[in-house]
């Protein structure tokens, strides 16, 4: 759902079709609030809140239907590699097909989520 994903959800879980048969939409929105605290020179602790969703088209966009996630993480600056990120997010609005609300681990390397 974005370059960083919606933390608290697995990849491709936030799709227009609740049956998970779809793999995306033509309209999306994400909002992120993140606060970072430097622990030592190359390590930062963080807390975040993400919200977003995908829709079949811009005409079906419903800003009252945003999936929410929140959690905490750490960023480590690694010379010649980039920034490593480890996040643990809670998906508040995961469907029963996704196992209901719960925690999801996320890994980032140089700004790309895995």
PDB file of N, CA and C in Angstrom:
ATOM      1  N   UNK A   1       0.820  -1.195   0.000  1.00  0.00           N
ATOM      2  CA  UNK A   1       0.000   0.000   0.000  1.00  0.00           C
ATOM      3  C   UNK A   1       0.861   1.255   0.000  1.00  0.00           C
ATOM      4  N   UNK A   2       2.102   1.164   0.185  1.00  0.00           N
ATOM      5  CA  UNK A   2       2.983   2.313   0.013  1.00  0.00           C
ATOM      6  C   UNK A   2       4.403   1.790   0.011  1.00  0.00           C
ATOM      7  N   UNK A   3       5.319   2.688  -0.148  1.00  0.00           N
ATOM      8  CA  UNK A   3       6.722   2.292  -0.155  1.00  0.00           C
ATOM      9  C   UNK A   3       7.093   1.571   1.138  1.00  0.00           C
ATOM     10  N   UNK A   4       6.527   1.998   2.256  1.00  0.00           N
ATOM     11  CA  UNK A   4       6.845   1.400   3.549  1.00  0.00           C
ATOM     12  C   UNK A   4       5.796   0.400   4.013  1.00  0.00           C
ATOM     13  N   UNK A   5       4.703   0.264   3.298  1.00  0.00           N
ATOM     14  CA  UNK A   5       3.641  -0.621   3.732  1.00  0.00           C
ATOM     15  C   UNK A   5       2.816   0.018   4.841  1.00  0.00           C
ATOM     16  N   UNK A   6       1.790  -0.663   5.240  1.00  0.00           N
ATOM     17  CA  UNK A   6       0.966  -0.229   6.361  1.00  0.00           C
ATOM     18  C   UNK A   6       1.334  -1.141   7.518  1.00  0.00           C
ATOM     19  N   UNK A   7       2.107  -0.614   8.443  1.00  0.00           N
ATOM     20  CA  UNK A   7       2.638  -1.443   9.520  1.00  0.00           C
ATOM     21  C   UNK A   7       1.506  -1.947  10.407  1.00  0.00           C
ATOM     22  N   UNK A   8       1.583  -3.236  10.744  1.00  0.00           N
ATOM     23  CA  UNK A   8       0.519  -3.913  11.468  1.00  0.00           C
ATOM     24  C   UNK A   8      -0.263  -4.852  10.564  1.00  0.00           C
ATOM     25  N   UNK A   9       0.053  -4.828   9.256  1.00  0.00           N
ATOM     26  CA  UNK A   9      -0.632  -5.655   8.258  1.00  0.00           C
ATOM     27  C   UNK A   9       0.405  -6.342   7.384  1.00  0.00           C
ATOM     28  N   UNK A  10       0.095  -7.553   6.925  1.00  0.00           N
ATOM     29  CA  UNK A  10       0.972  -8.233   5.980  1.00  0.00           C
ATOM     30  C   UNK A  10       0.888  -7.543   4.625  1.00  0.00           C
ATOM     31  N   UNK A  11       1.908  -7.758   3.789  1.00  0.00           N
ATOM     32  CA  UNK A  11       1.876  -7.225   2.432  1.00  0.00           C
ATOM     33  C   UNK A  11       0.634  -7.734   1.709  1.00  0.00           C
ATOM     34  N   UNK A  12      -0.012  -6.878   0.963  1.00  0.00           N
ATOM     35  CA  UNK A  12      -1.202  -7.171   0.154  1.00  0.00           C
ATOM     36  C   UNK A  12      -2.429  -7.542   0.983  1.00  0.00           C
ATOM     37  N   UNK A  13      -2.431  -7.260   2.290  1.00  0.00           N
ATOM     38  CA  UNK A  13      -3.629  -7.474   3.109  1.00  0.00           C
ATOM     39  C   UNK A  13      -4.614  -6.315   3.007  1.00  0.00           C
ATOM     40  N   UNK A  14      -4.122  -5.128   2.707  1.00  0.00           N
ATOM     41  CA  UNK A  14      -5.004  -3.963   2.605  1.00  0.00           C
ATOM     42  C   UNK A  14      -5.360  -3.790   1.135  1.00  0.00           C
ATOM     43  N   UNK A  15      -6.442  -4.454   0.745  1.00  0.00           N
ATOM     44  CA  UNK A  15      -6.889  -4.465  -0.652  1.00  0.00           C
ATOM     45  C   UNK A  15      -8.372  -4.101  -0.701  1.00  0.00           C
ATOM     46  N   UNK A  16      -8.857  -3.649  -1.861  1.00  0.00           N
ATOM     47  CA  UNK A  16     -10.267  -3.249  -1.954  1.00  0.00           C
ATOM     48  C   UNK A  16     -11.254  -4.374  -1.674  1.00  0.00           C
ATOM     49  N   UNK A  17     -10.917  -5.602  -2.026  1.00  0.00           N
ATOM     50  CA  UNK A  17     -11.822  -6.740  -1.890  1.00  0.00           C
ATOM     51  C   UNK A  17     -11.523  -7.451  -0.573  1.00  0.00           C
ATOM     52  N   UNK A  18     -12.458  -7.457   0.359  1.00  0.00           N
ATOM     53  CA  UNK A  18     -12.234  -8.064   1.676  1.00  0.00           C
ATOM     54  C   UNK A  18     -12.001  -9.571   1.618  1.00  0.00           C
ATOM     55  N   UNK A  19     -12.280 -10.216   0.463  1.00  0.00           N
ATOM     56  CA  UNK A  19     -12.024 -11.651   0.355  1.00  0.00           C
ATOM     57  C   UNK A  19     -10.554 -11.934   0.107  1.00  0.00           C
ATOM     58  N   UNK A  20      -9.755 -10.879  -0.069  1.00  0.00           N
ATOM     59  CA  UNK A  20      -8.319 -10.976  -0.346  1.00  0.00           C
ATOM     60  C   UNK A  20      -8.030 -11.571  -1.714  1.00  0.00           C
ATOM     61  N   UNK A  21      -9.055 -11.654  -2.599  1.00  0.00           N
ATOM     62  CA  UNK A  21      -8.833 -12.167  -3.946  1.00  0.00           C
ATOM     63  C   UNK A  21      -8.161 -11.122  -4.822  1.00  0.00           C
ATOM     64  N   UNK A  22      -8.279  -9.872  -4.450  1.00  0.00           N
ATOM     65  CA  UNK A  22      -7.708  -8.767  -5.212  1.00  0.00           C
ATOM     66  C   UNK A  22      -6.300  -8.471  -4.713  1.00  0.00           C
ATOM     67  N   UNK A  23      -5.458  -7.912  -5.576  1.00  0.00           N
ATOM     68  CA  UNK A  23      -4.105  -7.568  -5.144  1.00  0.00           C
ATOM     69  C   UNK A  23      -3.838  -6.079  -5.181  1.00  0.00           C
ATOM     70  N   UNK A  24      -4.845  -5.274  -5.321  1.00  0.00           N
ATOM     71  CA  UNK A  24      -4.604  -3.833  -5.300  1.00  0.00           C
ATOM     72  C   UNK A  24      -5.783  -3.057  -5.821  1.00  0.00           C
ATOM     73  N   UNK A  25      -5.609  -1.758  -5.883  1.00  0.00           N
ATOM     74  CA  UNK A  25      -6.656  -0.888  -6.374  1.00  0.00           C
ATOM     75  C   UNK A  25      -6.056   0.227  -7.195  1.00  0.00           C
ATOM     76  N   UNK A  26      -6.905   1.117  -7.654  1.00  0.00           N
ATOM     77  CA  UNK A  26      -6.450   2.250  -8.466  1.00  0.00           C
ATOM     78  C   UNK A  26      -6.359   3.539  -7.652  1.00  0.00           C
ATOM     79  N   UNK A  27      -6.743   3.464  -6.395  1.00  0.00           N
ATOM     80  CA  UNK A  27      -6.697   4.634  -5.526  1.00  0.00           C
ATOM     81  C   UNK A  27      -6.203   4.188  -4.153  1.00  0.00           C
ATOM     82  N   UNK A  28      -5.311   4.973  -3.561  1.00  0.00           N
ATOM     83  CA  UNK A  28      -4.809   4.635  -2.229  1.00  0.00           C
ATOM     84  C   UNK A  28      -4.487   5.895  -1.446  1.00  0.00           C
ATOM     85  N   UNK A  29      -4.444   5.736  -0.138  1.00  0.00           N
ATOM     86  CA  UNK A  29      -4.060   6.842   0.728  1.00  0.00           C
ATOM     87  C   UNK A  29      -3.361   6.271   1.947  1.00  0.00           C
ATOM     88  N   UNK A  30      -2.274   6.910   2.355  1.00  0.00           N
ATOM     89  CA  UNK A  30      -1.609   6.551   3.606  1.00  0.00           C
ATOM     90  C   UNK A  30      -1.247   7.822   4.368  1.00  0.00           C
ATOM     91  N   UNK A  31      -1.331   7.724   5.675  1.00  0.00           N
ATOM     92  CA  UNK A  31      -0.947   8.808   6.574  1.00  0.00           C
ATOM     93  C   UNK A  31      -0.090   8.181   7.664  1.00  0.00           C
ATOM     94  N   UNK A  32       1.041   8.805   7.965  1.00  0.00           N
ATOM     95  CA  UNK A  32       1.944   8.280   8.984  1.00  0.00           C
ATOM     96  C   UNK A  32       2.359   9.386   9.941  1.00  0.00           C
ATOM     97  N   UNK A  33       2.319   9.073  11.216  1.00  0.00           N
ATOM     98  CA  UNK A  33       2.890   9.944  12.246  1.00  0.00           C
ATOM     99  C   UNK A  33       3.941   9.111  12.966  1.00  0.00           C
ATOM    100  N   UNK A  34       5.130   9.651  13.094  1.00  0.00           N
ATOM    101  CA  UNK A  34       6.227   8.892  13.688  1.00  0.00           C
ATOM    102  C   UNK A  34       7.062   9.822  14.554  1.00  0.00           C
ATOM    103  N   UNK A  35       7.430   9.354  15.719  1.00  0.00           N
ATOM    104  CA  UNK A  35       8.316  10.119  16.586  1.00  0.00           C
ATOM    105  C   UNK A  35       9.553   9.264  16.855  1.00  0.00           C
ATOM    106  N   UNK A  36      10.724   9.880  16.672  1.00  0.00           N
ATOM    107  CA  UNK A  36      11.993   9.164  16.856  1.00  0.00           C
ATOM    108  C   UNK A  36      12.785   9.780  18.004  1.00  0.00           C
ATOM    109  N   UNK A  37      13.491   8.910  18.699  1.00  0.00           N
ATOM    110  CA  UNK A  37      14.326   9.337  19.811  1.00  0.00           C
ATOM    111  C   UNK A  37      15.717   8.733  19.632  1.00  0.00           C
ATOM    112  N   UNK A  38      16.765   9.561  19.567  1.00  0.00           N
ATOM    113  CA  UNK A  38      18.117   9.017  19.406  1.00  0.00           C
ATOM    114  C   UNK A  38      18.570   8.302  20.680  1.00  0.00           C
ATOM    115  N   UNK A  39      18.977   7.040  20.522  1.00  0.00           N
ATOM    116  CA  UNK A  39      19.470   6.248  21.648  1.00  0.00           C
ATOM    117  C   UNK A  39      20.978   6.439  21.775  1.00  0.00           C
ATOM    118  N   UNK A  40      21.684   6.178  20.698  1.00  0.00           N
ATOM    119  CA  UNK A  40      23.110   6.473  20.551  1.00  0.00           C
ATOM    120  C   UNK A  40      23.281   7.042  19.150  1.00  0.00           C
ATOM    121  N   UNK A  41      24.503   7.326  18.748  1.00  0.00           N
ATOM    122  CA  UNK A  41      24.735   8.030  17.482  1.00  0.00           C
ATOM    123  C   UNK A  41      24.050   7.370  16.284  1.00  0.00           C
ATOM    124  N   UNK A  42      24.115   6.069  16.140  1.00  0.00           N
ATOM    125  CA  UNK A  42      23.599   5.402  14.941  1.00  0.00           C
ATOM    126  C   UNK A  42      22.284   4.657  15.161  1.00  0.00           C
ATOM    127  N   UNK A  43      21.679   4.776  16.342  1.00  0.00           N
ATOM    128  CA  UNK A  43      20.460   4.017  16.650  1.00  0.00           C
ATOM    129  C   UNK A  43      19.371   4.963  17.145  1.00  0.00           C
ATOM    130  N   UNK A  44      18.161   4.778  16.580  1.00  0.00           N
ATOM    131  CA  UNK A  44      17.002   5.572  16.984  1.00  0.00           C
ATOM    132  C   UNK A  44      15.856   4.635  17.352  1.00  0.00           C
ATOM    133  N   UNK A  45      15.184   4.919  18.450  1.00  0.00           N
ATOM    134  CA  UNK A  45      13.951   4.222  18.810  1.00  0.00           C
ATOM    135  C   UNK A  45      12.796   5.059  18.274  1.00  0.00           C
ATOM    136  N   UNK A  46      11.673   4.411  17.956  1.00  0.00           N
ATOM    137  CA  UNK A  46      10.543   5.160  17.409  1.00  0.00           C
ATOM    138  C   UNK A  46       9.213   4.560  17.813  1.00  0.00           C
ATOM    139  N   UNK A  47       8.202   5.401  17.776  1.00  0.00           N
ATOM    140  CA  UNK A  47       6.810   4.992  17.921  1.00  0.00           C
ATOM    141  C   UNK A  47       6.068   5.557  16.710  1.00  0.00           C
ATOM    142  N   UNK A  48       5.066   4.832  16.227  1.00  0.00           N
ATOM    143  CA  UNK A  48       4.381   5.266  15.009  1.00  0.00           C
ATOM    144  C   UNK A  48       2.891   4.988  15.063  1.00  0.00           C
ATOM    145  N   UNK A  49       2.170   5.698  14.205  1.00  0.00           N
ATOM    146  CA  UNK A  49       0.764   5.446  13.913  1.00  0.00           C
ATOM    147  C   UNK A  49       0.604   5.572  12.409  1.00  0.00           C
ATOM    148  N   UNK A  50       0.064   4.543  11.763  1.00  0.00           N
ATOM    149  CA  UNK A  50      -0.193   4.545  10.325  1.00  0.00           C
ATOM    150  C   UNK A  50      -1.691   4.378  10.087  1.00  0.00           C
ATOM    151  N   UNK A  51      -2.182   4.964   9.020  1.00  0.00           N
ATOM    152  CA  UNK A  51      -3.556   4.748   8.581  1.00  0.00           C
ATOM    153  C   UNK A  51      -3.556   4.785   7.061  1.00  0.00           C
ATOM    154  N   UNK A  52      -4.395   3.961   6.445  1.00  0.00           N
ATOM    155  CA  UNK A  52      -4.465   3.961   4.991  1.00  0.00           C
ATOM    156  C   UNK A  52      -5.421   2.912   4.477  1.00  0.00           C
ATOM    157  N   UNK A  53      -5.611   2.921   3.177  1.00  0.00           N
ATOM    158  CA  UNK A  53      -6.461   1.930   2.531  1.00  0.00           C
ATOM    159  C   UNK A  53      -6.276   2.037   1.027  1.00  0.00           C
ATOM    160  N   UNK A  54      -6.821   1.073   0.315  1.00  0.00           N
ATOM    161  CA  UNK A  54      -6.872   1.104  -1.144  1.00  0.00           C
ATOM    162  C   UNK A  54      -8.333   0.947  -1.562  1.00  0.00           C
ATOM    163  N   UNK A  55      -8.650   1.509  -2.717  1.00  0.00           N
ATOM    164  CA  UNK A  55     -10.005   1.424  -3.251  1.00  0.00           C
ATOM    165  C   UNK A  55      -9.933   1.088  -4.733  1.00  0.00           C
ATOM    166  N   UNK A  56     -11.039   0.563  -5.269  1.00  0.00           N
ATOM    167  CA  UNK A  56     -11.093   0.165  -6.675  1.00  0.00           C
ATOM    168  C   UNK A  56     -10.843   1.332  -7.617  1.00  0.00           C
ATOM    169  N   UNK A  57     -11.332   2.521  -7.263  1.00  0.00           N
ATOM    170  CA  UNK A  57     -11.162   3.696  -8.118  1.00  0.00           C
ATOM    171  C   UNK A  57     -11.220   4.950  -7.251  1.00  0.00           C
ATOM    172  N   UNK A  58     -10.780   6.079  -7.785  1.00  0.00           N
ATOM    173  CA  UNK A  58     -10.899   7.324  -7.016  1.00  0.00           C
ATOM    174  C   UNK A  58     -12.349   7.655  -6.637  1.00  0.00           C
ATOM    175  N   UNK A  59     -13.301   7.227  -7.434  1.00  0.00           N
ATOM    176  CA  UNK A  59     -14.714   7.508  -7.154  1.00  0.00           C
ATOM    177  C   UNK A  59     -15.226   6.723  -5.947  1.00  0.00           C
ATOM    178  N   UNK A  60     -14.597   5.595  -5.612  1.00  0.00           N
ATOM    179  CA  UNK A  60     -15.047   4.786  -4.473  1.00  0.00           C
ATOM    180  C   UNK A  60     -14.251   5.066  -3.202  1.00  0.00           C
ATOM    181  N   UNK A  61     -13.351   6.041  -3.252  1.00  0.00           N
ATOM    182  CA  UNK A  61     -12.539   6.390  -2.084  1.00  0.00           C
ATOM    183  C   UNK A  61     -13.434   6.833  -0.930  1.00  0.00           C
ATOM    184  N   UNK A  62     -13.205   6.245   0.243  1.00  0.00           N
ATOM    185  CA  UNK A  62     -13.987   6.560   1.439  1.00  0.00           C
ATOM    186  C   UNK A  62     -13.016   6.826   2.587  1.00  0.00           C
ATOM    187  N   UNK A  63     -12.804   8.097   2.906  1.00  0.00           N
ATOM    188  CA  UNK A  63     -11.822   8.460   3.925  1.00  0.00           C
ATOM    189  C   UNK A  63     -12.251   8.088   5.336  1.00  0.00           C
ATOM    190  N   UNK A  64     -13.488   7.601   5.499  1.00  0.00           N
ATOM    191  CA  UNK A  64     -13.908   7.103   6.808  1.00  0.00           C
ATOM    192  C   UNK A  64     -13.581   5.625   6.962  1.00  0.00           C
ATOM    193  N   UNK A  65     -13.007   5.019   5.923  1.00  0.00           N
ATOM    194  CA  UNK A  65     -12.680   3.591   5.925  1.00  0.00           C
ATOM    195  C   UNK A  65     -11.165   3.402   5.837  1.00  0.00           C
ATOM    196  N   UNK A  66     -10.436   3.923   6.807  1.00  0.00           N
ATOM    197  CA  UNK A  66      -8.984   3.768   6.835  1.00  0.00           C
ATOM    198  C   UNK A  66      -8.605   2.668   7.815  1.00  0.00           C
ATOM    199  N   UNK A  67      -7.698   1.793   7.400  1.00  0.00           N
ATOM    200  CA  UNK A  67      -7.153   0.758   8.279  1.00  0.00           C
ATOM    201  C   UNK A  67      -6.078   1.406   9.145  1.00  0.00           C
ATOM    202  N   UNK A  68      -6.034   1.057  10.432  1.00  0.00           N
ATOM    203  CA  UNK A  68      -5.115   1.703  11.364  1.00  0.00           C
ATOM    204  C   UNK A  68      -4.105   0.713  11.927  1.00  0.00           C
ATOM    205  N   UNK A  69      -2.887   1.199  12.127  1.00  0.00           N
ATOM    206  CA  UNK A  69      -1.836   0.416  12.754  1.00  0.00           C
ATOM    207  C   UNK A  69      -0.968   1.312  13.620  1.00  0.00           C
ATOM    208  N   UNK A  70      -0.447   0.763  14.708  1.00  0.00           N
ATOM    209  CA  UNK A  70       0.432   1.527  15.598  1.00  0.00           C
ATOM    210  C   UNK A  70       1.441   0.575  16.212  1.00  0.00           C
ATOM    211  N   UNK A  71       2.576   1.109  16.602  1.00  0.00           N
ATOM    212  CA  UNK A  71       3.574   0.253  17.221  1.00  0.00           C
ATOM    213  C   UNK A  71       4.859   0.987  17.510  1.00  0.00           C
ATOM    214  N   UNK A  72       5.935   0.218  17.535  1.00  0.00           N
ATOM    215  CA  UNK A  72       7.241   0.761  17.881  1.00  0.00           C
ATOM    216  C   UNK A  72       8.302   0.101  17.023  1.00  0.00           C
ATOM    217  N   UNK A  73       9.477   0.699  16.992  1.00  0.00           N
ATOM    218  CA  UNK A  73      10.544   0.143  16.173  1.00  0.00           C
ATOM    219  C   UNK A  73      11.883   0.755  16.499  1.00  0.00           C
ATOM    220  N   UNK A  74      12.864   0.388  15.686  1.00  0.00           N
ATOM    221  CA  UNK A  74      14.226   0.883  15.837  1.00  0.00           C
ATOM    222  C   UNK A  74      14.821   1.086  14.451  1.00  0.00           C
ATOM    223  N   UNK A  75      15.658   2.109  14.303  1.00  0.00           N
ATOM    224  CA  UNK A  75      16.399   2.364  13.070  1.00  0.00           C
ATOM    225  C   UNK A  75      17.882   2.344  13.406  1.00  0.00           C
ATOM    226  N   UNK A  76      18.646   1.642  12.575  1.00  0.00           N
ATOM    227  CA  UNK A  76      20.086   1.524  12.766  1.00  0.00           C
ATOM    228  C   UNK A  76      20.772   1.980  11.491  1.00  0.00           C
ATOM    229  N   UNK A  77      21.619   2.994  11.592  1.00  0.00           N
ATOM    230  CA  UNK A  77      22.389   3.480  10.449  1.00  0.00           C
ATOM    231  C   UNK A  77      23.627   2.609  10.283  1.00  0.00           C
ATOM    232  N   UNK A  78      23.729   1.937   9.124  1.00  0.00           N
ATOM    233  CA  UNK A  78      24.856   1.051   8.840  1.00  0.00           C
ATOM    234  C   UNK A  78      25.642   1.650   7.680  1.00  0.00           C
ATOM    235  N   UNK A  79      26.905   2.030   7.912  1.00  0.00           N
ATOM    236  CA  UNK A  79      27.705   2.611   6.831  1.00  0.00           C
ATOM    237  C   UNK A  79      27.790   1.679   5.622  1.00  0.00           C
ATOM    238  N   UNK A  80      27.702   2.257   4.429  1.00  0.00           N
ATOM    239  CA  UNK A  80      27.817   1.560   3.145  1.00  0.00           C
ATOM    240  C   UNK A  80      26.641   0.630   2.856  1.00  0.00           C
ATOM    241  N   UNK A  81      25.672   0.552   3.761  1.00  0.00           N
ATOM    242  CA  UNK A  81      24.482  -0.275   3.541  1.00  0.00           C
ATOM    243  C   UNK A  81      23.237   0.604   3.524  1.00  0.00           C
ATOM    244  N   UNK A  82      23.148   1.495   4.467  1.00  0.00           N
ATOM    245  CA  UNK A  82      21.975   2.349   4.611  1.00  0.00           C
ATOM    246  C   UNK A  82      21.344   2.139   5.966  1.00  0.00           C
ATOM    247  N   UNK A  83      20.095   2.470   6.057  1.00  0.00           N
ATOM    248  CA  UNK A  83      19.397   2.363   7.332  1.00  0.00           C
ATOM    249  C   UNK A  83      18.611   1.061   7.407  1.00  0.00           C
ATOM    250  N   UNK A  84      18.812   0.311   8.491  1.00  0.00           N
ATOM    251  CA  UNK A  84      18.030  -0.888   8.767  1.00  0.00           C
ATOM    252  C   UNK A  84      16.890  -0.498   9.689  1.00  0.00           C
ATOM    253  N   UNK A  85      15.706  -1.033   9.424  1.00  0.00           N
ATOM    254  CA  UNK A  85      14.555  -0.735  10.266  1.00  0.00           C
ATOM    255  C   UNK A  85      13.855  -1.996  10.706  1.00  0.00           C
ATOM    256  N   UNK A  86      13.492  -2.040  11.964  1.00  0.00           N
ATOM    257  CA  UNK A  86      12.740  -3.148  12.531  1.00  0.00           C
ATOM    258  C   UNK A  86      11.535  -2.555  13.243  1.00  0.00           C
ATOM    259  N   UNK A  87      10.333  -2.914  12.800  1.00  0.00           N
ATOM    260  CA  UNK A  87       9.104  -2.378  13.384  1.00  0.00           C
ATOM    261  C   UNK A  87       8.191  -3.518  13.806  1.00  0.00           C
ATOM    262  N   UNK A  88       7.455  -3.298  14.879  1.00  0.00           N
ATOM    263  CA  UNK A  88       6.465  -4.244  15.362  1.00  0.00           C
ATOM    264  C   UNK A  88       5.165  -3.465  15.485  1.00  0.00           C
ATOM    265  N   UNK A  89       4.223  -3.748  14.575  1.00  0.00           N
ATOM    266  CA  UNK A  89       3.001  -2.966  14.506  1.00  0.00           C
ATOM    267  C   UNK A  89       1.758  -3.781  14.794  1.00  0.00           C
ATOM    268  N   UNK A  90       0.782  -3.152  15.396  1.00  0.00           N
ATOM    269  CA  UNK A  90      -0.501  -3.773  15.700  1.00  0.00           C
ATOM    270  C   UNK A  90      -1.533  -3.274  14.701  1.00  0.00           C
ATOM    271  N   UNK A  91      -2.115  -4.202  13.936  1.00  0.00           N
ATOM    272  CA  UNK A  91      -3.162  -3.863  12.973  1.00  0.00           C
ATOM    273  C   UNK A  91      -4.523  -3.916  13.648  1.00  0.00           C
ATOM    274  N   UNK A  92      -5.116  -2.761  13.879  1.00  0.00           N
ATOM    275  CA  UNK A  92      -6.387  -2.686  14.600  1.00  0.00           C
ATOM    276  C   UNK A  92      -7.569  -3.189  13.778  1.00  0.00           C
ATOM    277  N   UNK A  93      -7.497  -3.077  12.458  1.00  0.00           N
ATOM    278  CA  UNK A  93      -8.658  -3.332  11.607  1.00  0.00           C
ATOM    279  C   UNK A  93      -8.472  -4.519  10.670  1.00  0.00           C
ATOM    280  N   UNK A  94      -7.651  -5.469  11.064  1.00  0.00           N
ATOM    281  CA  UNK A  94      -7.474  -6.664  10.230  1.00  0.00           C
ATOM    282  C   UNK A  94      -8.759  -7.485  10.259  1.00  0.00           C
ATOM    283  N   UNK A  95      -9.126  -8.018   9.085  1.00  0.00           N
ATOM    284  CA  UNK A  95     -10.369  -8.789   8.986  1.00  0.00           C
ATOM    285  C   UNK A  95     -10.183 -10.171   9.616  1.00  0.00           C
ATOM    286  N   UNK A  96     -11.281 -10.872   9.787  1.00  0.00           N
ATOM    287  CA  UNK A  96     -11.216 -12.237  10.321  1.00  0.00           C
ATOM    288  C   UNK A  96     -10.435 -13.154   9.382  1.00  0.00           C
ATOM    289  N   UNK A  97     -10.507 -12.889   8.056  1.00  0.00           N
ATOM    290  CA  UNK A  97      -9.718 -13.671   7.101  1.00  0.00           C
ATOM    291  C   UNK A  97      -8.221 -13.479   7.327  1.00  0.00           C
ATOM    292  N   UNK A  98      -7.848 -12.353   7.910  1.00  0.00           N
ATOM    293  CA  UNK A  98      -6.447 -12.056   8.201  1.00  0.00           C
ATOM    294  C   UNK A  98      -6.075 -12.454   9.623  1.00  0.00           C
ATOM    295  N   UNK A  99      -6.978 -13.117  10.319  1.00  0.00           N
ATOM    296  CA  UNK A  99      -6.710 -13.543  11.684  1.00  0.00           C
ATOM    297  C   UNK A  99      -7.157 -12.551  12.743  1.00  0.00           C
ATOM    298  N   UNK A 100      -7.890 -11.523  12.338  1.00  0.00           N
ATOM    299  CA  UNK A 100      -8.356 -10.511  13.282  1.00  0.00           C
ATOM    300  C   UNK A 100      -7.237  -9.572  13.697  1.00  0.00           C
ATOM    301  N   UNK A 101      -7.533  -8.612  14.569  1.00  0.00           N
ATOM    302  CA  UNK A 101      -6.509  -7.664  15.013  1.00  0.00           C
ATOM    303  C   UNK A 101      -5.308  -8.392  15.605  1.00  0.00           C
ATOM    304  N   UNK A 102      -4.120  -7.862  15.344  1.00  0.00           N
ATOM    305  CA  UNK A 102      -2.925  -8.508  15.879  1.00  0.00           C
ATOM    306  C   UNK A 102      -1.644  -7.821  15.456  1.00  0.00           C
ATOM    307  N   UNK A 103      -0.541  -8.393  15.904  1.00  0.00           N
ATOM    308  CA  UNK A 103       0.795  -7.839  15.691  1.00  0.00           C
ATOM    309  C   UNK A 103       1.441  -8.393  14.435  1.00  0.00           C
ATOM    310  N   UNK A 104       2.267  -7.579  13.801  1.00  0.00           N
ATOM    311  CA  UNK A 104       2.986  -7.977  12.583  1.00  0.00           C
ATOM    312  C   UNK A 104       4.375  -7.337  12.608  1.00  0.00           C
ATOM    313  N   UNK A 105       5.403  -8.142  12.306  1.00  0.00           N
ATOM    314  CA  UNK A 105       6.781  -7.657  12.256  1.00  0.00           C
ATOM    315  C   UNK A 105       7.080  -7.119  10.860  1.00  0.00           C
ATOM    316  N   UNK A 106       7.841  -6.024  10.780  1.00  0.00           N
ATOM    317  CA  UNK A 106       8.237  -5.432   9.502  1.00  0.00           C
ATOM    318  C   UNK A 106       9.726  -5.132   9.512  1.00  0.00           C
ATOM    319  N   UNK A 107      10.359  -5.347   8.369  1.00  0.00           N
ATOM    320  CA  UNK A 107      11.788  -5.092   8.203  1.00  0.00           C
ATOM    321  C   UNK A 107      11.976  -4.126   7.046  1.00  0.00           C
ATOM    322  N   UNK A 108      12.869  -3.151   7.207  1.00  0.00           N
ATOM    323  CA  UNK A 108      13.170  -2.189   6.143  1.00  0.00           C
ATOM    324  C   UNK A 108      14.672  -2.138   5.925  1.00  0.00           C
ATOM    325  N   UNK A 109      15.053  -2.035   4.670  1.00  0.00           N
ATOM    326  CA  UNK A 109      16.460  -1.868   4.309  1.00  0.00           C
ATOM    327  C   UNK A 109      16.552  -0.700   3.347  1.00  0.00           C
ATOM    328  N   UNK A 110      17.192   0.368   3.776  1.00  0.00           N
ATOM    329  CA  UNK A 110      17.359   1.541   2.918  1.00  0.00           C
ATOM    330  C   UNK A 110      16.058   2.162   2.462  1.00  0.00           C
ATOM    331  N   UNK A 111      15.005   2.088   3.270  1.00  0.00           N
ATOM    332  CA  UNK A 111      13.733   2.707   2.924  1.00  0.00           C
ATOM    333  C   UNK A 111      12.768   1.811   2.176  1.00  0.00           C
ATOM    334  N   UNK A 112      13.121   0.534   1.956  1.00  0.00           N
ATOM    335  CA  UNK A 112      12.237  -0.403   1.273  1.00  0.00           C
ATOM    336  C   UNK A 112      11.811  -1.470   2.273  1.00  0.00           C
ATOM    337  N   UNK A 113      10.503  -1.728   2.365  1.00  0.00           N
ATOM    338  CA  UNK A 113       9.979  -2.714   3.316  1.00  0.00           C
ATOM    339  C   UNK A 113      10.027  -4.116   2.747  1.00  0.00           C
ATOM    340  N   UNK A 114      10.233  -5.071   3.649  1.00  0.00           N
ATOM    341  CA  UNK A 114      10.202  -6.497   3.286  1.00  0.00           C
ATOM    342  C   UNK A 114       9.291  -7.233   4.234  1.00  0.00           C
TER     343      UNK A 114
END
